[in-house]
Protein backbone atom coordinates (compact mmCIF):
# COMPACT_ATOMS: atom_id res chain seq x y z
CA UNK A 1 33.46 132.90 135.64
CA UNK A 2 36.07 134.24 133.20
CA UNK A 3 36.35 134.54 129.44
CA UNK A 4 39.58 134.35 127.46
CA UNK A 5 40.54 137.23 125.16
CA UNK A 6 41.04 135.87 121.63
CA UNK A 7 44.18 137.95 121.03
CA UNK A 8 46.12 137.75 124.29
CA UNK A 9 44.66 134.73 126.10
CA UNK A 10 44.23 136.89 129.19
CA UNK A 11 41.35 135.84 131.49
CA UNK A 12 38.76 138.64 131.72
CA UNK A 13 36.65 138.75 134.90
CA UNK A 14 32.93 139.08 134.31
CA UNK A 15 30.75 141.62 136.19
CA UNK A 16 29.18 140.74 139.54
CA UNK A 17 25.84 138.95 139.22
CA UNK A 18 23.05 140.86 141.04
CA UNK A 19 19.27 141.18 141.07
CA UNK A 20 17.39 143.39 138.59
CA UNK A 21 16.68 145.93 141.36
CA UNK A 22 20.36 146.12 142.34
CA UNK A 23 21.34 146.50 138.69
CA UNK A 24 18.87 149.38 138.19
CA UNK A 25 20.24 151.17 141.26
CA UNK A 26 23.82 150.87 140.00
CA UNK A 27 22.78 151.88 136.48
CA UNK A 28 21.01 155.03 137.70
CA UNK A 29 24.06 156.00 139.73
CA UNK A 30 26.26 155.62 136.66
CA UNK A 31 23.78 157.61 134.56
CA UNK A 32 24.37 160.63 136.80
CA UNK A 33 28.10 160.39 136.12
CA UNK A 34 27.52 159.88 132.38
CA UNK A 35 25.45 163.06 132.21
CA UNK A 36 28.15 164.96 134.10
CA UNK A 37 30.74 163.68 131.61
CA UNK A 38 28.54 164.70 128.67
CA UNK A 39 28.19 168.23 130.01
CA UNK A 40 31.94 168.40 130.66
CA UNK A 41 32.61 167.21 127.10
CA UNK A 42 30.27 169.90 125.72
CA UNK A 43 32.13 172.55 127.72
CA UNK A 44 35.47 171.24 126.46
CA UNK A 45 34.23 171.30 122.86
CA UNK A 46 33.14 174.92 123.30
CA UNK A 47 36.57 175.82 124.67
CA UNK A 48 38.20 174.08 121.70
CA UNK A 49 36.07 176.08 119.27
CA UNK A 50 37.09 179.27 121.09
CA UNK A 51 40.83 178.67 120.66
CA UNK A 52 42.64 181.42 118.74
CA UNK A 53 44.09 180.60 115.33
CA UNK A 54 47.41 181.18 113.59
CA UNK A 55 47.89 182.01 109.91
CA UNK A 56 50.12 179.70 107.89
CA UNK A 57 53.08 181.38 106.24
CA UNK A 58 54.11 178.44 104.04
CA UNK A 59 52.54 177.13 100.85
CA UNK A 60 52.38 173.35 101.17
CA UNK A 61 52.13 171.14 98.09
CA UNK A 62 51.07 167.50 97.87
CA UNK A 63 50.94 164.71 95.31
CA UNK A 64 47.45 163.38 94.65
CA UNK A 65 45.81 161.03 92.13
CA UNK A 66 44.84 164.07 90.01
CA UNK A 67 48.31 165.65 90.20
CA UNK A 68 49.94 168.28 92.42
CA UNK A 69 47.62 169.93 94.95
CA UNK A 70 48.09 172.88 97.28
CA UNK A 71 46.74 172.83 100.82
CA UNK A 72 44.03 175.28 99.76
CA UNK A 73 42.87 172.75 97.14
CA UNK A 74 42.25 170.13 99.83
CA UNK A 75 39.46 172.30 101.23
CA UNK A 76 37.46 171.45 98.08
CA UNK A 77 35.69 174.86 98.27
CA UNK A 78 34.74 174.38 101.95
CA UNK A 79 35.75 176.72 104.79
CA UNK A 80 37.06 174.00 107.11
CA UNK A 81 39.52 171.16 106.58
CA UNK A 82 40.36 168.24 108.87
CA UNK A 83 43.66 166.46 108.15
CA UNK A 84 44.59 163.09 109.62
CA UNK A 85 48.37 162.60 109.71
CA UNK A 86 48.71 158.91 108.76
CA UNK A 87 51.97 157.17 109.70
CA UNK A 88 53.43 155.89 106.43
CA UNK A 89 57.19 156.33 106.19
CA UNK A 90 58.62 156.66 102.66
CA UNK A 91 60.64 153.46 103.22
CA UNK A 92 57.63 151.38 104.28
CA UNK A 93 55.58 149.22 101.92
CA UNK A 94 52.37 149.50 103.97
CA UNK A 95 50.83 152.00 106.37
CA UNK A 96 50.89 151.78 110.15
CA UNK A 97 48.40 149.18 111.52
CA UNK A 98 47.20 151.56 114.26
CA UNK A 99 46.60 154.40 111.79
CA UNK A 100 44.83 151.86 109.58
CA UNK A 101 42.56 151.10 112.55
CA UNK A 102 41.70 154.81 112.64
CA UNK A 103 41.18 154.85 108.87
CA UNK A 104 38.67 152.01 109.03
CA UNK A 105 36.50 154.40 111.05
CA UNK A 106 36.68 157.38 108.64
CA UNK A 107 34.29 156.42 105.86
CA UNK A 108 30.98 156.91 107.66
CA UNK A 109 31.75 160.56 108.43
CA UNK A 110 32.77 161.57 104.92
CA UNK A 111 29.23 161.77 103.52
CA UNK A 112 28.15 164.17 106.28
CA UNK A 113 31.12 166.53 106.78
CA UNK A 114 30.49 168.59 103.60
CA UNK A 115 27.02 169.46 104.92
CA UNK A 116 28.84 171.28 107.73
CA UNK A 117 31.17 173.08 105.28
CA UNK A 118 34.04 170.73 106.18
CA UNK A 119 36.45 168.74 104.02
CA UNK A 120 38.60 165.80 105.11
CA UNK A 121 41.96 164.53 103.88
CA UNK A 122 44.66 162.09 104.93
CA UNK A 123 48.32 162.99 104.44
CA UNK A 124 51.44 160.81 104.67
CA UNK A 125 55.10 161.09 103.72
CA UNK A 126 55.14 157.90 101.66
CA UNK A 127 55.24 158.45 97.88
CA UNK A 128 51.89 158.43 96.14
CA UNK A 129 52.38 155.10 94.34
CA UNK A 130 52.84 153.32 97.69
CA UNK A 131 49.80 155.08 99.15
CA UNK A 132 47.62 154.13 96.18
CA UNK A 133 48.74 150.49 96.25
CA UNK A 134 48.02 150.21 99.97
CA UNK A 135 44.70 152.07 99.74
CA UNK A 136 43.53 149.70 96.99
CA UNK A 137 44.48 146.71 99.11
CA UNK A 138 42.55 148.08 102.10
CA UNK A 139 39.49 149.13 100.08
CA UNK A 140 39.46 152.75 101.25
CA UNK A 141 38.08 155.67 99.23
CA UNK A 142 38.90 158.73 101.37
CA UNK A 143 41.16 161.47 99.90
CA UNK A 144 44.80 160.61 100.62
CA UNK A 145 47.78 162.71 99.59
CA UNK A 146 51.57 162.46 99.78
CA UNK A 147 53.61 165.24 101.37
CA UNK A 148 56.72 163.16 100.53
CA UNK A 149 59.72 165.52 100.47
CA UNK A 150 57.85 168.58 101.75
CA UNK A 151 57.90 170.11 105.25
CA UNK A 152 54.24 169.58 106.08
CA UNK A 153 54.66 166.62 108.45
CA UNK A 154 57.64 168.20 110.19
CA UNK A 155 55.89 171.54 110.63
CA UNK A 156 52.82 169.95 112.18
CA UNK A 157 54.76 167.76 114.58
CA UNK A 158 54.16 164.27 113.21
CA UNK A 159 57.63 163.52 111.84
CA UNK A 160 60.41 163.53 114.41
CA UNK A 161 63.68 164.41 112.70
CA UNK A 162 66.51 165.50 114.97
CA UNK A 163 68.67 166.36 111.95
CA UNK A 164 66.26 169.11 110.86
CA UNK A 165 65.22 170.32 114.30
CA UNK A 166 61.74 168.72 114.25
CA UNK A 167 62.02 167.46 117.81
CA UNK A 168 58.64 168.14 119.50
CA UNK A 169 55.54 165.95 119.68
CA UNK A 170 52.26 166.70 121.42
CA UNK A 171 53.64 170.09 122.51
CA UNK A 172 56.52 168.49 124.42
CA UNK A 173 60.14 167.58 123.64
CA UNK A 174 60.03 164.21 121.90
CA UNK A 175 63.14 163.10 123.80
CA UNK A 176 61.24 163.43 127.09
CA UNK A 177 58.34 161.38 125.73
CA UNK A 178 60.73 158.73 124.42
CA UNK A 179 62.47 158.50 127.81
CA UNK A 180 59.15 157.90 129.59
CA UNK A 181 57.87 155.38 127.03
CA UNK A 182 55.09 157.62 125.71
CA UNK A 183 56.44 157.45 122.16
CA UNK A 184 58.48 154.70 120.57
CA UNK A 185 60.68 156.36 117.92
CA UNK A 186 63.68 158.67 118.20
CA UNK A 187 63.24 159.66 114.56
CA UNK A 188 60.27 158.85 112.36
CA UNK A 189 56.52 159.03 111.96
CA UNK A 190 53.87 159.61 114.63
CA UNK A 191 50.08 160.08 114.40
CA UNK A 192 48.09 163.27 114.71
CA UNK A 193 45.20 165.38 113.45
CA UNK A 194 45.11 169.04 112.44
CA UNK A 195 42.22 171.40 111.70
CA UNK A 196 42.38 174.37 109.34
CA UNK A 197 40.10 177.28 108.47
CA UNK A 198 40.13 179.07 105.12
CA UNK A 199 39.30 182.68 104.25
CA UNK A 200 39.74 182.90 100.50
CA UNK A 201 43.32 181.78 99.94
CA UNK A 202 44.41 182.57 103.50
CA UNK A 203 44.70 179.44 105.67
CA UNK A 204 44.73 179.26 109.45
CA UNK A 205 45.55 176.44 111.86
CA UNK A 206 42.92 176.23 114.59
CA UNK A 207 43.74 172.93 116.29
CA UNK A 208 46.06 169.92 116.34
CA UNK A 209 45.94 166.87 118.59
CA UNK A 210 48.01 163.74 119.09
CA UNK A 211 48.15 160.45 121.02
CA UNK A 212 45.04 159.92 123.20
CA UNK A 213 43.55 163.10 121.77
CA UNK A 214 42.75 160.98 118.72
CA UNK A 215 40.65 158.40 120.58
CA UNK A 216 37.38 160.07 119.61
CA UNK A 217 37.98 159.17 115.97
CA UNK A 218 37.73 155.44 116.71
CA UNK A 219 34.10 154.33 116.77
CA UNK A 220 35.31 150.79 117.44
CA UNK A 221 36.60 152.00 120.81
CA UNK A 222 33.30 153.78 121.48
CA UNK A 223 31.49 150.48 121.00
CA UNK A 224 34.00 148.47 123.06
CA UNK A 225 33.83 151.01 125.90
CA UNK A 226 30.17 149.99 126.35
CA UNK A 227 31.07 146.34 126.94
CA UNK A 228 32.19 144.57 130.14
CA UNK A 229 35.60 143.67 128.69
CA UNK A 230 36.18 147.16 127.28
CA UNK A 231 39.15 147.63 124.99
CA UNK A 232 40.82 144.47 126.23
CA UNK A 233 44.17 146.13 126.85
CA UNK A 234 46.53 144.03 128.93
CA UNK A 235 49.35 145.41 131.09
CA UNK A 236 51.75 143.12 129.24
CA UNK A 237 50.99 144.80 125.91
CA UNK A 238 53.81 147.13 124.81
CA UNK A 239 51.20 149.74 123.86
CA UNK A 240 47.41 150.00 123.84
CA UNK A 241 46.96 149.10 120.16
CA UNK A 242 49.34 146.15 120.13
CA UNK A 243 46.40 143.85 119.35
CA UNK A 244 45.35 145.80 116.23
CA UNK A 245 45.97 144.32 112.76
CA UNK A 246 45.31 145.55 109.25
CA UNK A 247 41.70 144.51 108.77
CA UNK A 248 42.63 141.96 106.10
CA UNK A 249 45.15 140.22 108.39
CA UNK A 250 43.05 139.06 111.37
CA UNK A 251 42.14 135.81 109.65
CA UNK A 252 45.81 135.01 109.03
CA UNK A 253 46.93 135.32 112.69
């Protein structure tokens, strides 16, 4: 028996039908692997926390609803700051659908992060008036700032700009990634996440990640990974999130 995916019309094979006893045997075998993966993830998280840090030597400024803000202001008196680099080019009228998919998963965490001395912000290059219009349309309330004409996006590797020498992404030459189909733009916006630590007014970068390193932010994927059909990615899709829409557009497709 097969089921048709509602987005791609690709037949999805269902799991093998077995007895309860056979299912329990297979489930217990998988549980061993799940526990191994959990322990490996814990070890990886510890290694990430143990990374060295680098002090920032630039003062970055952003446009926000309350006026100009420095990077130190985005900490909101906390020691730690997580920044999601949202793809929103200054020439676009709406943000990237894939980044919007990430953003739909942000809200639940925001109430809890301050209890761990952590602030969260989203930063894009689009001007603030475009950001605010799009945020209102999408119904989001997380802090979102414009870096617009500043160097922030370039310096943290999420704007590829060969004219200014910003030519690396995910710690590799962007041209190599473009040639192998791992990125899709020669110049322009790409997604990422950066983590910062504050000591008074001194700010340090402790971590940045890109591409599949962002998967953990998507609770929708975590749910889908528990299902037989998984994420429903088809080999014919140009990229893994080709099915994703702005959440107010699914009904119009």
